[in-house]
Amino acid sequence: MNKGYSIVICLKRVLSTALRQLLMICMAVAVIYPVYFMITTSLKTKMDYVGNKLGLPQHIVFSNYITVFGGSIILRWLLNSFVVTLGGVIVSTGISALAAYSFSRFNFVGKEKIFNALITLMVIPPVVMAIPLFITMVKVHLVNTYISAILVYSGLLIPFSIYLLRNFFITVPKAIVDSALIDGCTRFKAFVKIILPLSAPALMTLVIVNALWIWNELLIALIFLQKTELRTLMVGLTVFRGRFKIDQPVIMAGLFLASMPMILLYLFGQRFFIRGMVTGSLKGE
């Protein structure tokens, strides 16, 4: 009886392990296959794609990438995306780091209420605020400028950024900061020299997440950057896709080029990103 029960337990464990492995394989295929399809399609001719949509290209060609870069407007859209993404990440991260430091280290009137109000803003979808923000930008004559998009992106990202950084800053031992203050270090200097270096994984995680969101965002860029020469790459590729809707290899080449900067950013910061996510999940208040 005990032997039969042990066999059943072993079979359950084996099946459970096999199911987990199968699930992981399916998830990996679901993630990798779109990238494979995008790359292989971008290296095919139009006729090759029509005759062989899922397989490898019979003859590798780079003419699709030449078509994408054929107009200098693509490079301008790429530059616009870099400017808006870099500006939004720098502004939101800088303001959020200072605010999170205040929420984690100082006591002031209404601290918890203000923090809870900021957290509440995280659940409001950007589309709800699009119209009032657009009216405001029109009144201050900032529509069709980089500043408008950077300010809107920063405002939308700050609540989440403060929440993430504040929860990380409170895990930094208070004794380290107190020792620096006793040695004559100002609070701001302690923030720059101690808190920020120790929080590098959390900061890198925040930079990657925010950069990915801004780079791939469509609605805000479409509303506040309406001029053709000011479009971001994602908005521009949407129009580009309409022009080449029957030429899938050219569209895939454009999408691959649009994905590369964020892929490189993630690969560069992967070590910090994983460390920041793991640390944030293990440490609490």
C-alpha atoms as a PDB file:
ATOM      1  CA  MET A   1       0.000   0.000   0.000  1.00  0.00           C
ATOM      2  CA  ASN A   2       2.812   2.406   0.951  1.00  0.00           C
ATOM      3  CA  LYS A   3       4.790   1.392  -2.128  1.00  0.00           C
ATOM      4  CA  GLY A   4       1.826   2.085  -4.429  1.00  0.00           C
ATOM      5  CA  TYR A   5       1.228   5.423  -2.766  1.00  0.00           C
ATOM      6  CA  SER A   6       4.883   6.369  -3.274  1.00  0.00           C
ATOM      7  CA  ILE A   7       4.659   5.482  -6.972  1.00  0.00           C
ATOM      8  CA  VAL A   8       1.599   7.704  -7.364  1.00  0.00           C
ATOM      9  CA  ILE A   9       3.374  10.600  -5.631  1.00  0.00           C
ATOM     10  CA  CYS A  10       6.422  10.155  -7.881  1.00  0.00           C
ATOM     11  CA  LEU A  11       4.231  10.092 -10.994  1.00  0.00           C
ATOM     12  CA  LYS A  12       2.470  13.274  -9.887  1.00  0.00           C
ATOM     13  CA  ARG A  13       5.809  15.018  -9.366  1.00  0.00           C
ATOM     14  CA  VAL A  14       7.101  13.873 -12.763  1.00  0.00           C
ATOM     15  CA  LEU A  15       3.914  15.002 -14.511  1.00  0.00           C
ATOM     16  CA  SER A  16       3.958  18.305 -12.646  1.00  0.00           C
ATOM     17  CA  THR A  17       7.562  18.935 -13.692  1.00  0.00           C
ATOM     18  CA  ALA A  18       6.800  17.953 -17.291  1.00  0.00           C
ATOM     19  CA  LEU A  19       3.782  20.273 -17.414  1.00  0.00           C
ATOM     20  CA  ARG A  20       5.803  23.150 -16.020  1.00  0.00           C
ATOM     21  CA  GLN A  21       8.529  22.577 -18.596  1.00  0.00           C
ATOM     22  CA  LEU A  22       5.966  22.356 -21.396  1.00  0.00           C
ATOM     23  CA  LEU A  23       4.355  25.581 -20.206  1.00  0.00           C
ATOM     24  CA  MET A  24       7.725  27.340 -20.146  1.00  0.00           C
ATOM     25  CA  ILE A  25       8.503  26.103 -23.667  1.00  0.00           C
ATOM     26  CA  CYS A  26       5.143  27.358 -24.936  1.00  0.00           C
ATOM     27  CA  MET A  27       5.714  30.750 -23.304  1.00  0.00           C
ATOM     28  CA  ALA A  28       9.202  30.972 -24.802  1.00  0.00           C
ATOM     29  CA  VAL A  29       7.868  30.146 -28.275  1.00  0.00           C
ATOM     30  CA  ALA A  30       5.071  32.721 -27.885  1.00  0.00           C
ATOM     31  CA  VAL A  31       7.645  35.400 -27.054  1.00  0.00           C
ATOM     32  CA  ILE A  32      10.385  34.438 -29.522  1.00  0.00           C
ATOM     33  CA  TYR A  33       8.279  33.604 -32.581  1.00  0.00           C
ATOM     34  CA  PRO A  34       7.078  37.186 -33.302  1.00  0.00           C
ATOM     35  CA  VAL A  35      10.715  38.345 -33.238  1.00  0.00           C
ATOM     36  CA  TYR A  36      11.712  35.486 -35.545  1.00  0.00           C
ATOM     37  CA  PHE A  37       8.862  36.314 -37.934  1.00  0.00           C
ATOM     38  CA  MET A  38       9.770  40.016 -37.930  1.00  0.00           C
ATOM     39  CA  ILE A  39      13.458  39.425 -38.682  1.00  0.00           C
ATOM     40  CA  THR A  40      13.000  36.719 -41.315  1.00  0.00           C
ATOM     41  CA  THR A  41      10.234  38.630 -43.086  1.00  0.00           C
ATOM     42  CA  SER A  42      12.324  41.809 -43.199  1.00  0.00           C
ATOM     43  CA  LEU A  43      15.030  39.880 -45.090  1.00  0.00           C
ATOM     44  CA  LYS A  44      12.658  38.561 -47.788  1.00  0.00           C
ATOM     45  CA  THR A  45      11.559  40.007 -51.084  1.00  0.00           C
ATOM     46  CA  LYS A  46       7.870  40.639 -51.580  1.00  0.00           C
ATOM     47  CA  MET A  47       7.483  37.595 -53.836  1.00  0.00           C
ATOM     48  CA  ASP A  48       9.462  35.424 -51.440  1.00  0.00           C
ATOM     49  CA  TYR A  49       7.124  36.458 -48.603  1.00  0.00           C
ATOM     50  CA  VAL A  50       3.988  35.689 -50.644  1.00  0.00           C
ATOM     51  CA  GLY A  51       5.260  32.208 -51.480  1.00  0.00           C
ATOM     52  CA  ASN A  52       6.840  31.408 -48.117  1.00  0.00           C
ATOM     53  CA  LYS A  53       5.402  33.432 -45.246  1.00  0.00           C
ATOM     54  CA  LEU A  54       6.631  31.391 -42.287  1.00  0.00           C
ATOM     55  CA  GLY A  55       9.898  29.876 -43.486  1.00  0.00           C
ATOM     56  CA  LEU A  56      13.399  31.243 -43.779  1.00  0.00           C
ATOM     57  CA  PRO A  57      14.165  33.599 -46.705  1.00  0.00           C
ATOM     58  CA  GLN A  58      15.387  31.861 -49.847  1.00  0.00           C
ATOM     59  CA  HIS A  59      17.641  34.805 -50.655  1.00  0.00           C
ATOM     60  CA  ILE A  60      18.572  37.309 -47.956  1.00  0.00           C
ATOM     61  CA  VAL A  61      18.046  40.896 -49.105  1.00  0.00           C
ATOM     62  CA  PHE A  62      18.530  44.234 -47.349  1.00  0.00           C
ATOM     63  CA  SER A  63      16.539  46.316 -49.810  1.00  0.00           C
ATOM     64  CA  ASN A  64      13.670  46.610 -47.322  1.00  0.00           C
ATOM     65  CA  TYR A  65      15.917  48.452 -44.875  1.00  0.00           C
ATOM     66  CA  ILE A  66      17.111  50.702 -47.685  1.00  0.00           C
ATOM     67  CA  THR A  67      13.466  51.488 -48.464  1.00  0.00           C
ATOM     68  CA  VAL A  68      12.814  52.327 -44.816  1.00  0.00           C
ATOM     69  CA  PHE A  69      15.766  54.700 -44.712  1.00  0.00           C
ATOM     70  CA  GLY A  70      15.102  55.936 -48.226  1.00  0.00           C
ATOM     71  CA  GLY A  71      13.414  59.031 -46.857  1.00  0.00           C
ATOM     72  CA  SER A  72      15.255  61.128 -44.304  1.00  0.00           C
ATOM     73  CA  ILE A  73      11.936  61.571 -42.447  1.00  0.00           C
ATOM     74  CA  ILE A  74      12.416  58.136 -40.832  1.00  0.00           C
ATOM     75  CA  LEU A  75      15.682  59.294 -39.296  1.00  0.00           C
ATOM     76  CA  ARG A  76      13.933  62.445 -38.050  1.00  0.00           C
ATOM     77  CA  TRP A  77      11.204  60.334 -36.432  1.00  0.00           C
ATOM     78  CA  LEU A  78      13.885  58.212 -34.803  1.00  0.00           C
ATOM     79  CA  LEU A  79      15.572  61.340 -33.448  1.00  0.00           C
ATOM     80  CA  ASN A  80      12.221  62.622 -32.151  1.00  0.00           C
ATOM     81  CA  SER A  81      11.647  59.381 -30.259  1.00  0.00           C
ATOM     82  CA  PHE A  82      15.121  59.567 -28.722  1.00  0.00           C
ATOM     83  CA  VAL A  83      14.628  63.179 -27.621  1.00  0.00           C
ATOM     84  CA  VAL A  84      11.165  62.607 -26.136  1.00  0.00           C
ATOM     85  CA  THR A  85      12.124  59.320 -24.444  1.00  0.00           C
ATOM     86  CA  LEU A  86      15.380  60.657 -23.012  1.00  0.00           C
ATOM     87  CA  GLY A  87      13.752  63.872 -21.831  1.00  0.00           C
ATOM     88  CA  GLY A  88      10.781  62.110 -20.253  1.00  0.00           C
ATOM     89  CA  VAL A  89      12.970  59.557 -18.468  1.00  0.00           C
ATOM     90  CA  ILE A  90      15.401  62.173 -17.119  1.00  0.00           C
ATOM     91  CA  VAL A  91      12.694  64.558 -15.870  1.00  0.00           C
ATOM     92  CA  SER A  92      10.456  61.883 -14.345  1.00  0.00           C
ATOM     93  CA  THR A  93      13.342  59.994 -12.721  1.00  0.00           C
ATOM     94  CA  GLY A  94      14.943  63.143 -11.298  1.00  0.00           C
ATOM     95  CA  ILE A  95      11.736  64.526  -9.783  1.00  0.00           C
ATOM     96  CA  SER A  96      10.592  61.112  -8.562  1.00  0.00           C
ATOM     97  CA  ALA A  97      13.925  60.334  -6.891  1.00  0.00           C
ATOM     98  CA  LEU A  98      13.836  63.590  -4.905  1.00  0.00           C
ATOM     99  CA  ALA A  99      10.173  63.102  -3.956  1.00  0.00           C
ATOM    100  CA  ALA A 100      10.699  59.456  -3.020  1.00  0.00           C
ATOM    101  CA  TYR A 101      13.649  60.450  -0.827  1.00  0.00           C
ATOM    102  CA  SER A 102      11.421  62.931   1.006  1.00  0.00           C
ATOM    103  CA  PHE A 103       8.635  60.388   1.490  1.00  0.00           C
ATOM    104  CA  SER A 104      11.071  57.745   2.755  1.00  0.00           C
ATOM    105  CA  ARG A 105      13.236  59.857   5.104  1.00  0.00           C
ATOM    106  CA  PHE A 106      11.309  62.941   6.262  1.00  0.00           C
ATOM    107  CA  ASN A 107       8.198  63.447   8.361  1.00  0.00           C
ATOM    108  CA  PHE A 108       5.930  66.330   7.374  1.00  0.00           C
ATOM    109  CA  VAL A 109       2.271  67.275   7.651  1.00  0.00           C
ATOM    110  CA  GLY A 110       0.031  65.303   5.286  1.00  0.00           C
ATOM    111  CA  LYS A 111       2.798  62.904   4.222  1.00  0.00           C
ATOM    112  CA  GLU A 112       0.643  59.787   4.051  1.00  0.00           C
ATOM    113  CA  LYS A 113      -2.308  61.596   2.461  1.00  0.00           C
ATOM    114  CA  ILE A 114      -0.153  63.098  -0.270  1.00  0.00           C
ATOM    115  CA  PHE A 115       1.512  59.742  -0.947  1.00  0.00           C
ATOM    116  CA  ASN A 116      -1.837  57.955  -1.115  1.00  0.00           C
ATOM    117  CA  ALA A 117      -3.122  60.618  -3.517  1.00  0.00           C
ATOM    118  CA  LEU A 118      -0.121  60.019  -5.770  1.00  0.00           C
ATOM    119  CA  ILE A 119      -0.740  56.278  -5.715  1.00  0.00           C
ATOM    120  CA  THR A 120      -4.369  56.901  -6.685  1.00  0.00           C
ATOM    121  CA  LEU A 121      -3.208  58.727  -9.814  1.00  0.00           C
ATOM    122  CA  MET A 122      -1.620  55.473 -11.037  1.00  0.00           C
ATOM    123  CA  VAL A 123      -5.043  53.966 -11.797  1.00  0.00           C
ATOM    124  CA  ILE A 124      -6.231  56.868 -13.970  1.00  0.00           C
ATOM    125  CA  PRO A 125      -5.797  55.978 -17.670  1.00  0.00           C
ATOM    126  CA  PRO A 126      -3.912  58.545 -19.800  1.00  0.00           C
ATOM    127  CA  VAL A 127      -6.807  58.831 -22.275  1.00  0.00           C
ATOM    128  CA  VAL A 128      -8.962  60.421 -19.546  1.00  0.00           C
ATOM    129  CA  MET A 129      -6.448  63.231 -19.070  1.00  0.00           C
ATOM    130  CA  ALA A 130      -5.651  63.734 -22.762  1.00  0.00           C
ATOM    131  CA  ILE A 131      -8.271  66.445 -23.438  1.00  0.00           C
ATOM    132  CA  PRO A 132      -7.596  68.669 -20.374  1.00  0.00           C
ATOM    133  CA  LEU A 133      -3.850  68.323 -20.922  1.00  0.00           C
ATOM    134  CA  PHE A 134      -4.219  69.264 -24.595  1.00  0.00           C
ATOM    135  CA  ILE A 135      -6.313  72.347 -23.711  1.00  0.00           C
ATOM    136  CA  THR A 136      -3.672  73.384 -21.180  1.00  0.00           C
ATOM    137  CA  MET A 137      -0.851  72.978 -23.701  1.00  0.00           C
ATOM    138  CA  VAL A 138      -2.793  74.993 -26.283  1.00  0.00           C
ATOM    139  CA  LYS A 139      -3.217  77.857 -23.797  1.00  0.00           C
ATOM    140  CA  VAL A 140       0.513  77.968 -23.050  1.00  0.00           C
ATOM    141  CA  HIS A 141       1.410  77.508 -26.754  1.00  0.00           C
ATOM    142  CA  LEU A 142       3.383  74.290 -26.274  1.00  0.00           C
ATOM    143  CA  VAL A 143       1.549  71.999 -28.710  1.00  0.00           C
ATOM    144  CA  ASN A 144       3.861  70.671 -31.426  1.00  0.00           C
ATOM    145  CA  THR A 145       6.935  71.055 -29.235  1.00  0.00           C
ATOM    146  CA  TYR A 146       9.131  68.478 -27.547  1.00  0.00           C
ATOM    147  CA  ILE A 147       8.465  70.175 -24.209  1.00  0.00           C
ATOM    148  CA  SER A 148       4.747  69.363 -24.291  1.00  0.00           C
ATOM    149  CA  ALA A 149       5.296  65.640 -24.837  1.00  0.00           C
ATOM    150  CA  ILE A 150       8.110  65.475 -22.279  1.00  0.00           C
ATOM    151  CA  LEU A 151       6.020  67.236 -19.623  1.00  0.00           C
ATOM    152  CA  VAL A 152       2.990  65.021 -20.216  1.00  0.00           C
ATOM    153  CA  TYR A 153       5.032  61.818 -20.197  1.00  0.00           C
ATOM    154  CA  SER A 154       6.853  62.905 -17.044  1.00  0.00           C
ATOM    155  CA  GLY A 155       3.607  63.741 -15.271  1.00  0.00           C
ATOM    156  CA  LEU A 156       2.103  60.375 -16.144  1.00  0.00           C
ATOM    157  CA  LEU A 157       5.182  58.447 -15.002  1.00  0.00           C
ATOM    158  CA  ILE A 158       5.946  60.291 -11.767  1.00  0.00           C
ATOM    159  CA  PRO A 159       3.326  58.554  -9.519  1.00  0.00           C
ATOM    160  CA  PHE A 160       4.565  55.052 -10.371  1.00  0.00           C
ATOM    161  CA  SER A 161       8.197  56.175 -10.201  1.00  0.00           C
ATOM    162  CA  ILE A 162       7.765  57.678  -6.734  1.00  0.00           C
ATOM    163  CA  TYR A 163       6.025  54.531  -5.517  1.00  0.00           C
ATOM    164  CA  LEU A 164       8.806  52.256  -6.796  1.00  0.00           C
ATOM    165  CA  LEU A 165      11.722  54.368  -5.569  1.00  0.00           C
ATOM    166  CA  ARG A 166      10.185  55.164  -2.191  1.00  0.00           C
ATOM    167  CA  ASN A 167       9.737  51.469  -1.431  1.00  0.00           C
ATOM    168  CA  PHE A 168      13.386  50.894  -2.343  1.00  0.00           C
ATOM    169  CA  PHE A 169      14.812  53.902  -0.501  1.00  0.00           C
ATOM    170  CA  ILE A 170      13.280  52.822   2.804  1.00  0.00           C
ATOM    171  CA  THR A 171      15.288  49.575   2.602  1.00  0.00           C
ATOM    172  CA  VAL A 172      18.587  51.494   2.729  1.00  0.00           C
ATOM    173  CA  PRO A 173      19.814  51.242   6.344  1.00  0.00           C
ATOM    174  CA  LYS A 174      19.233  54.493   8.209  1.00  0.00           C
ATOM    175  CA  ALA A 175      22.512  54.060  10.089  1.00  0.00           C
ATOM    176  CA  ILE A 176      24.511  54.602   6.890  1.00  0.00           C
ATOM    177  CA  VAL A 177      22.842  57.953   6.226  1.00  0.00           C
ATOM    178  CA  ASP A 178      23.106  58.981   9.888  1.00  0.00           C
ATOM    179  CA  SER A 179      26.847  58.240   9.868  1.00  0.00           C
ATOM    180  CA  ALA A 180      27.298  60.437   6.812  1.00  0.00           C
ATOM    181  CA  LEU A 181      25.331  63.261   8.456  1.00  0.00           C
ATOM    182  CA  ILE A 182      27.473  63.017  11.603  1.00  0.00           C
ATOM    183  CA  ASP A 183      30.602  63.303   9.445  1.00  0.00           C
ATOM    184  CA  GLY A 184      29.337  66.636   8.129  1.00  0.00           C
ATOM    185  CA  CYS A 185      27.500  65.503   4.992  1.00  0.00           C
ATOM    186  CA  THR A 186      24.360  67.452   4.067  1.00  0.00           C
ATOM    187  CA  ARG A 187      21.118  65.602   3.434  1.00  0.00           C
ATOM    188  CA  PHE A 188      21.257  66.357  -0.279  1.00  0.00           C
ATOM    189  CA  LYS A 189      24.860  65.194  -0.480  1.00  0.00           C
ATOM    190  CA  ALA A 190      23.931  62.013   1.386  1.00  0.00           C
ATOM    191  CA  PHE A 191      21.156  61.501  -1.130  1.00  0.00           C
ATOM    192  CA  VAL A 192      23.525  61.892  -4.087  1.00  0.00           C
ATOM    193  CA  LYS A 193      26.557  60.066  -2.655  1.00  0.00           C
ATOM    194  CA  ILE A 194      24.855  57.275  -0.685  1.00  0.00           C
ATOM    195  CA  ILE A 195      21.187  56.721  -1.512  1.00  0.00           C
ATOM    196  CA  LEU A 196      21.459  56.915  -5.310  1.00  0.00           C
ATOM    197  CA  PRO A 197      24.513  54.608  -5.678  1.00  0.00           C
ATOM    198  CA  LEU A 198      22.950  52.019  -3.389  1.00  0.00           C
ATOM    199  CA  SER A 199      19.706  52.269  -5.375  1.00  0.00           C
ATOM    200  CA  ALA A 200      21.296  51.734  -8.800  1.00  0.00           C
ATOM    201  CA  PRO A 201      19.306  48.511  -9.502  1.00  0.00           C
ATOM    202  CA  ALA A 202      15.993  50.223  -8.721  1.00  0.00           C
ATOM    203  CA  LEU A 203      16.930  53.291 -10.783  1.00  0.00           C
ATOM    204  CA  MET A 204      17.966  51.152 -13.754  1.00  0.00           C
ATOM    205  CA  THR A 205      14.746  49.153 -13.491  1.00  0.00           C
ATOM    206  CA  LEU A 206      12.762  52.384 -13.487  1.00  0.00           C
ATOM    207  CA  VAL A 207      14.679  53.784 -16.461  1.00  0.00           C
ATOM    208  CA  ILE A 208      14.077  50.649 -18.532  1.00  0.00           C
ATOM    209  CA  VAL A 209      10.367  50.415 -17.699  1.00  0.00           C
ATOM    210  CA  ASN A 210       9.712  54.116 -18.314  1.00  0.00           C
ATOM    211  CA  ALA A 211      11.788  54.225 -21.502  1.00  0.00           C
ATOM    212  CA  LEU A 212       9.923  51.228 -22.915  1.00  0.00           C
ATOM    213  CA  TRP A 213       6.581  52.846 -22.166  1.00  0.00           C
ATOM    214  CA  ILE A 214       7.457  56.217 -23.692  1.00  0.00           C
ATOM    215  CA  TRP A 215       9.107  54.685 -26.752  1.00  0.00           C
ATOM    216  CA  ASN A 216       6.094  52.503 -27.554  1.00  0.00           C
ATOM    217  CA  GLU A 217       3.399  55.028 -26.567  1.00  0.00           C
ATOM    218  CA  LEU A 218       1.161  56.246 -29.392  1.00  0.00           C
ATOM    219  CA  LEU A 219      -1.755  58.345 -28.078  1.00  0.00           C
ATOM    220  CA  ILE A 220       0.132  61.187 -26.374  1.00  0.00           C
ATOM    221  CA  ALA A 221       2.620  61.529 -29.220  1.00  0.00           C
ATOM    222  CA  LEU A 222      -0.214  61.588 -31.747  1.00  0.00           C
ATOM    223  CA  ILE A 223      -2.070  64.354 -29.880  1.00  0.00           C
ATOM    224  CA  PHE A 224       0.768  66.666 -28.835  1.00  0.00           C
ATOM    225  CA  LEU A 225       3.185  66.186 -31.769  1.00  0.00           C
ATOM    226  CA  GLN A 226       0.937  66.645 -34.786  1.00  0.00           C
ATOM    227  CA  LYS A 227       3.418  67.993 -37.323  1.00  0.00           C
ATOM    228  CA  THR A 228       4.915  65.395 -39.664  1.00  0.00           C
ATOM    229  CA  GLU A 229       8.493  66.359 -38.826  1.00  0.00           C
ATOM    230  CA  LEU A 230       7.780  66.089 -35.083  1.00  0.00           C
ATOM    231  CA  ARG A 231       6.201  62.631 -35.079  1.00  0.00           C
ATOM    232  CA  THR A 232       7.783  59.926 -32.978  1.00  0.00           C
ATOM    233  CA  LEU A 233       8.870  56.719 -34.630  1.00  0.00           C
ATOM    234  CA  MET A 234       5.814  54.737 -33.521  1.00  0.00           C
ATOM    235  CA  VAL A 235       3.393  57.344 -34.851  1.00  0.00           C
ATOM    236  CA  GLY A 236       5.402  57.656 -38.038  1.00  0.00           C
ATOM    237  CA  LEU A 237       5.464  53.894 -38.565  1.00  0.00           C
ATOM    238  CA  THR A 238       1.689  53.810 -38.213  1.00  0.00           C
ATOM    239  CA  VAL A 239       1.450  56.175 -41.182  1.00  0.00           C
ATOM    240  CA  PHE A 240       4.283  54.311 -42.883  1.00  0.00           C
ATOM    241  CA  ARG A 241       2.345  51.070 -42.508  1.00  0.00           C
ATOM    242  CA  GLY A 242      -0.616  52.652 -44.322  1.00  0.00           C
ATOM    243  CA  ARG A 243       1.604  53.497 -47.291  1.00  0.00           C
ATOM    244  CA  PHE A 244       3.167  50.030 -47.486  1.00  0.00           C
ATOM    245  CA  LYS A 245       0.282  47.912 -46.214  1.00  0.00           C
ATOM    246  CA  ILE A 246       0.701  45.358 -49.018  1.00  0.00           C
ATOM    247  CA  ASP A 247       4.495  45.200 -48.650  1.00  0.00           C
ATOM    248  CA  GLN A 248       4.911  43.289 -45.399  1.00  0.00           C
ATOM    249  CA  PRO A 249       8.720  42.872 -45.625  1.00  0.00           C
ATOM    250  CA  VAL A 250       9.176  46.662 -45.636  1.00  0.00           C
ATOM    251  CA  ILE A 251       6.811  47.014 -42.663  1.00  0.00           C
ATOM    252  CA  MET A 252       8.706  44.321 -40.729  1.00  0.00           C
ATOM    253  CA  ALA A 253      12.006  46.068 -41.472  1.00  0.00           C
ATOM    254  CA  GLY A 254      10.610  49.295 -40.021  1.00  0.00           C
ATOM    255  CA  LEU A 255       9.269  47.524 -36.942  1.00  0.00           C
ATOM    256  CA  PHE A 256      12.576  45.745 -36.364  1.00  0.00           C
ATOM    257  CA  LEU A 257      14.491  49.015 -36.519  1.00  0.00           C
ATOM    258  CA  ALA A 258      11.976  50.555 -34.111  1.00  0.00           C
ATOM    259  CA  SER A 259      12.473  47.664 -31.669  1.00  0.00           C
ATOM    260  CA  MET A 260      16.282  47.616 -31.691  1.00  0.00           C
ATOM    261  CA  PRO A 261      16.972  50.614 -29.385  1.00  0.00           C
ATOM    262  CA  MET A 262      14.777  49.217 -26.615  1.00  0.00           C
ATOM    263  CA  ILE A 263      16.180  45.699 -27.070  1.00  0.00           C
ATOM    264  CA  LEU A 264      19.710  47.088 -26.705  1.00  0.00           C
ATOM    265  CA  LEU A 265      18.668  49.119 -23.650  1.00  0.00           C
ATOM    266  CA  TYR A 266      17.213  46.039 -21.986  1.00  0.00           C
ATOM    267  CA  LEU A 267      20.264  43.894 -22.799  1.00  0.00           C
ATOM    268  CA  PHE A 268      22.560  46.599 -21.436  1.00  0.00           C
ATOM    269  CA  GLY A 269      20.591  46.986 -18.199  1.00  0.00           C
ATOM    270  CA  GLN A 270      19.379  43.399 -17.821  1.00  0.00           C
ATOM    271  CA  ARG A 271      21.652  42.651 -14.870  1.00  0.00           C
ATOM    272  CA  PHE A 272      20.471  45.748 -12.970  1.00  0.00           C
ATOM    273  CA  PHE A 273      16.863  45.197 -14.057  1.00  0.00           C
ATOM    274  CA  ILE A 274      16.678  41.642 -12.676  1.00  0.00           C
ATOM    275  CA  ARG A 275      18.500  42.637  -9.485  1.00  0.00           C
ATOM    276  CA  GLY A 276      16.141  45.553  -8.949  1.00  0.00           C
ATOM    277  CA  MET A 277      13.033  43.432  -9.473  1.00  0.00           C
ATOM    278  CA  VAL A 278      14.285  40.679  -7.138  1.00  0.00           C
ATOM    279  CA  THR A 279      15.392  43.144  -4.458  1.00  0.00           C
ATOM    280  CA  GLY A 280      12.095  44.978  -4.629  1.00  0.00           C
ATOM    281  CA  SER A 281      10.190  41.736  -4.172  1.00  0.00           C
ATOM    282  CA  LEU A 282      12.239  40.592  -1.174  1.00  0.00           C
ATOM    283  CA  LYS A 283      12.564  43.787   0.793  1.00  0.00           C
ATOM    284  CA  GLY A 284       9.708  45.493   2.529  1.00  0.00           C
ATOM    285  CA  GLU A 285       9.182  48.428   4.812  1.00  0.00           C
END
